[in-house]
């Protein structure tokens, strides 16, 4: 896949708004574990494929003993987590604000033959409008984290388990303080950015019984 990105203004930004695909292929195919993913320009994807594969597999392994029937994947990107967690007997919903990323995720799900409800929506708005909680809520927010409002909404929905994938331990710690009804039972650091101070952290939390 070959593209050209136009950045007409002299600004300290990586990309402009206009992207032109020059090749016949409009999506890049990427396989992690047994899951094929598709990428488009300006859609988010983990930079280290080998470590990303381990991250997705850990989420799959940690979720299996929970035996969930309903899973939400908020900030799902191109569907890496959702596609790893989808299986017969599970209802999986993936929410991502980027329509191109959802197009990639939907194509991957169709080719894999799994039914996942991918929607191009704001994650917080989706959570606010929902009345029934999932059994497992997976979140992979940007560096700013979930924030107080979404943490409060999660506390109101009360999913039985929360899987939090974070690229910023500082905002992760702040968010966990805003979720007092959840206790961390498992955590793992993934060296997604070798030779830097940055890393990805996956945390499994379970709701504390009242």
Protein backbone atom coordinates (compact mmCIF):
# COMPACT_ATOMS: atom_id res chain seq x y z
CA UNK A 1 0.00 0.00 0.00
CA UNK A 2 1.37 3.43 -1.01
CA UNK A 3 -0.16 6.74 0.09
CA UNK A 4 0.60 10.44 0.03
CA UNK A 5 -0.32 12.66 2.96
CA UNK A 6 -0.71 16.39 2.38
CA UNK A 7 0.27 18.78 5.11
CA UNK A 8 -0.24 22.22 3.55
CA UNK A 9 0.58 24.28 6.64
CA UNK A 10 3.91 24.63 8.42
CA UNK A 11 2.91 23.11 11.75
CA UNK A 12 4.52 20.76 14.22
CA UNK A 13 2.19 17.87 13.35
CA UNK A 14 2.95 14.48 11.83
CA UNK A 15 0.08 14.29 9.35
CA UNK A 16 -2.31 16.51 7.47
CA UNK A 17 -5.99 15.78 7.04
CA UNK A 18 -5.78 14.71 3.38
CA UNK A 19 -4.51 11.23 2.52
CA UNK A 20 -4.43 9.84 -1.03
CA UNK A 21 -4.02 6.13 -1.75
CA UNK A 22 -1.80 5.62 -4.81
CA UNK A 23 -1.80 1.83 -4.94
CA UNK A 24 -4.58 -0.61 -5.80
CA UNK A 25 -4.37 -2.01 -2.27
CA UNK A 26 -6.12 0.33 0.18
CA UNK A 27 -5.55 -1.70 3.38
CA UNK A 28 -2.44 -3.30 4.82
CA UNK A 29 -2.82 -6.91 5.98
CA UNK A 30 -1.18 -7.82 9.30
CA UNK A 31 -1.38 -11.18 11.09
CA UNK A 32 -0.93 -11.43 14.86
CA UNK A 33 -1.28 -14.90 16.38
CA UNK A 34 -4.15 -16.57 14.48
CA UNK A 35 -5.91 -13.26 13.79
CA UNK A 36 -5.61 -11.24 10.58
CA UNK A 37 -5.98 -7.48 11.02
CA UNK A 38 -6.27 -4.72 8.44
CA UNK A 39 -4.77 -1.23 8.67
CA UNK A 40 -5.44 2.02 6.87
CA UNK A 41 -3.53 5.30 7.01
CA UNK A 42 -4.28 7.29 10.17
CA UNK A 43 -5.84 4.30 11.95
CA UNK A 44 -4.16 3.44 15.24
CA UNK A 45 -2.11 0.26 15.57
CA UNK A 46 0.49 -0.90 18.07
CA UNK A 47 3.99 -0.14 16.81
CA UNK A 48 5.61 -3.42 17.92
CA UNK A 49 3.80 -6.34 16.29
CA UNK A 50 5.56 -9.08 18.23
CA UNK A 51 4.77 -7.52 21.60
CA UNK A 52 1.25 -6.61 20.45
CA UNK A 53 0.64 -10.27 19.66
CA UNK A 54 1.65 -11.18 23.22
CA UNK A 55 -0.61 -8.44 24.60
CA UNK A 56 -3.63 -9.68 22.66
CA UNK A 57 -2.94 -13.28 23.62
CA UNK A 58 -2.71 -12.33 27.30
CA UNK A 59 -6.11 -10.64 27.08
CA UNK A 60 -7.52 -13.81 25.50
CA UNK A 61 -5.97 -16.06 28.14
CA UNK A 62 -7.09 -13.89 31.08
CA UNK A 63 -10.64 -13.62 29.73
CA UNK A 64 -11.17 -17.36 29.14
CA UNK A 65 -11.65 -18.37 32.84
CA UNK A 66 -14.24 -15.59 33.25
CA UNK A 67 -16.51 -17.30 30.68
CA UNK A 68 -18.19 -14.03 29.61
CA UNK A 69 -21.15 -13.94 27.26
CA UNK A 70 -21.07 -10.15 26.62
CA UNK A 71 -17.86 -8.19 25.99
CA UNK A 72 -17.35 -4.54 25.13
CA UNK A 73 -14.09 -3.31 23.62
CA UNK A 74 -13.97 0.48 23.99
CA UNK A 75 -11.39 2.42 21.96
CA UNK A 76 -11.08 -0.76 19.87
CA UNK A 77 -9.04 0.69 16.99
CA UNK A 78 -8.82 -1.84 14.14
CA UNK A 79 -10.23 -4.55 16.41
CA UNK A 80 -7.15 -6.33 17.74
CA UNK A 81 -8.59 -7.17 21.16
CA UNK A 82 -12.17 -7.79 19.99
CA UNK A 83 -11.08 -10.17 17.24
CA UNK A 84 -8.94 -12.13 19.68
CA UNK A 85 -11.80 -12.41 22.18
CA UNK A 86 -14.62 -13.26 19.75
CA UNK A 87 -15.87 -16.83 19.75
CA UNK A 88 -19.08 -18.82 19.51
CA UNK A 89 -21.50 -17.99 22.31
CA UNK A 90 -20.08 -14.53 22.97
CA UNK A 91 -21.58 -11.18 22.05
CA UNK A 92 -18.69 -8.78 21.33
CA UNK A 93 -19.09 -5.05 20.66
CA UNK A 94 -16.23 -2.84 19.48
CA UNK A 95 -16.47 0.94 19.77
CA UNK A 96 -14.05 3.35 18.07
CA UNK A 97 -14.53 6.96 16.95
CA UNK A 98 -12.48 6.48 13.76
CA UNK A 99 -14.66 5.28 10.88
CA UNK A 100 -11.65 4.06 8.81
CA UNK A 101 -10.50 1.93 11.76
CA UNK A 102 -13.99 0.44 12.10
CA UNK A 103 -13.96 -0.35 8.36
CA UNK A 104 -10.72 -2.28 8.89
CA UNK A 105 -12.12 -4.11 11.92
CA UNK A 106 -15.34 -5.03 10.12
CA UNK A 107 -13.45 -6.45 7.15
CA UNK A 108 -11.26 -8.56 9.44
CA UNK A 109 -14.31 -9.88 11.30
CA UNK A 110 -16.08 -10.79 8.05
CA UNK A 111 -13.04 -12.67 6.76
CA UNK A 112 -12.60 -14.45 10.07
CA UNK A 113 -16.25 -15.46 10.09
CA UNK A 114 -17.03 -14.00 13.50
CA UNK A 115 -19.94 -11.76 14.43
CA UNK A 116 -18.74 -8.57 16.14
CA UNK A 117 -20.80 -5.42 16.45
CA UNK A 118 -18.25 -2.78 15.41
CA UNK A 119 -19.52 0.81 15.58
CA UNK A 120 -17.91 4.16 14.78
CA UNK A 121 -18.95 6.00 17.94
CA UNK A 122 -17.47 7.95 20.82
CA UNK A 123 -16.71 5.47 23.60
CA UNK A 124 -17.97 7.68 26.42
CA UNK A 125 -21.21 8.46 24.56
CA UNK A 126 -21.80 4.76 23.92
CA UNK A 127 -21.28 3.94 27.60
CA UNK A 128 -23.61 6.77 28.66
CA UNK A 129 -26.39 5.53 26.38
CA UNK A 130 -26.12 1.89 27.46
CA UNK A 131 -28.39 0.47 30.11
CA UNK A 132 -27.04 -3.08 30.36
CA UNK A 133 -23.44 -3.76 31.35
CA UNK A 134 -21.18 -6.33 29.69
CA UNK A 135 -19.67 -9.20 31.65
CA UNK A 136 -16.19 -8.00 30.64
CA UNK A 137 -15.36 -4.44 29.70
CA UNK A 138 -12.07 -3.99 27.84
CA UNK A 139 -10.67 -0.47 27.48
CA UNK A 140 -7.60 0.71 25.59
CA UNK A 141 -7.78 4.52 25.84
CA UNK A 142 -5.27 7.04 24.46
CA UNK A 143 -2.53 8.41 26.71
CA UNK A 144 -4.95 10.76 28.47
CA UNK A 145 -6.71 7.73 29.99
CA UNK A 146 -10.41 7.23 30.65
CA UNK A 147 -11.01 10.34 32.73
CA UNK A 148 -13.37 10.96 35.63
CA UNK A 149 -16.68 10.91 33.71
CA UNK A 150 -16.10 7.59 31.97
CA UNK A 151 -14.73 6.01 35.16
CA UNK A 152 -17.87 7.14 36.97
CA UNK A 153 -20.05 5.63 34.24
CA UNK A 154 -18.16 2.33 34.44
CA UNK A 155 -18.77 2.33 38.18
CA UNK A 156 -22.48 2.78 37.53
CA UNK A 157 -22.66 0.04 34.90
CA UNK A 158 -20.77 -2.39 37.17
CA UNK A 159 -19.36 -4.92 34.71
CA UNK A 160 -18.10 -8.01 36.53
CA UNK A 161 -14.56 -7.59 35.18
CA UNK A 162 -12.49 -4.84 33.58
CA UNK A 163 -9.49 -5.34 31.32
CA UNK A 164 -7.48 -2.10 31.06
CA UNK A 165 -4.71 -1.80 28.48
CA UNK A 166 -2.71 1.39 29.04
CA UNK A 167 0.23 3.09 27.35
CA UNK A 168 0.54 5.61 30.18
CA UNK A 169 1.01 4.24 33.73
CA UNK A 170 0.38 7.71 35.22
CA UNK A 171 -3.14 8.07 33.81
CA UNK A 172 -3.75 4.37 34.49
CA UNK A 173 -3.01 4.94 38.18
CA UNK A 174 -5.34 7.97 38.27
CA UNK A 175 -8.15 6.01 36.61
CA UNK A 176 -7.80 3.06 38.98
CA UNK A 177 -8.20 5.44 41.92
CA UNK A 178 -11.49 6.54 40.33
CA UNK A 179 -12.71 2.93 40.26
CA UNK A 180 -12.87 2.10 43.99
CA UNK A 181 -15.27 -0.80 43.48
CA UNK A 182 -12.70 -2.71 41.43
CA UNK A 183 -9.65 -4.59 42.62
CA UNK A 184 -6.66 -5.43 40.44
CA UNK A 185 -6.06 -9.17 40.42
CA UNK A 186 -3.48 -9.44 37.66
CA UNK A 187 -1.11 -7.11 35.80
CA UNK A 188 1.62 -7.46 33.20
CA UNK A 189 4.01 -4.99 31.59
CA UNK A 190 4.71 -5.32 27.86
CA UNK A 191 7.89 -3.67 26.56
CA UNK A 192 6.17 -2.22 23.51
CA UNK A 193 8.82 0.49 23.05
CA UNK A 194 12.27 -1.05 23.70
CA UNK A 195 15.08 1.27 24.85
CA UNK A 196 12.58 3.90 26.03
CA UNK A 197 10.79 4.66 29.28
CA UNK A 198 7.43 3.82 27.70
CA UNK A 199 5.56 0.53 27.98
CA UNK A 200 2.12 -1.00 27.65
CA UNK A 201 0.46 -2.34 30.81
CA UNK A 202 -2.45 -4.78 30.92
CA UNK A 203 -4.46 -4.97 34.15
CA UNK A 204 -7.33 -7.30 35.02
CA UNK A 205 -9.74 -5.94 37.63
CA UNK A 206 -12.74 -7.59 39.21
CA UNK A 207 -15.70 -5.91 40.86
CA UNK A 208 -15.63 -6.07 44.63
CA UNK A 209 -18.75 -7.75 45.99
CA UNK A 210 -20.91 -5.38 48.04
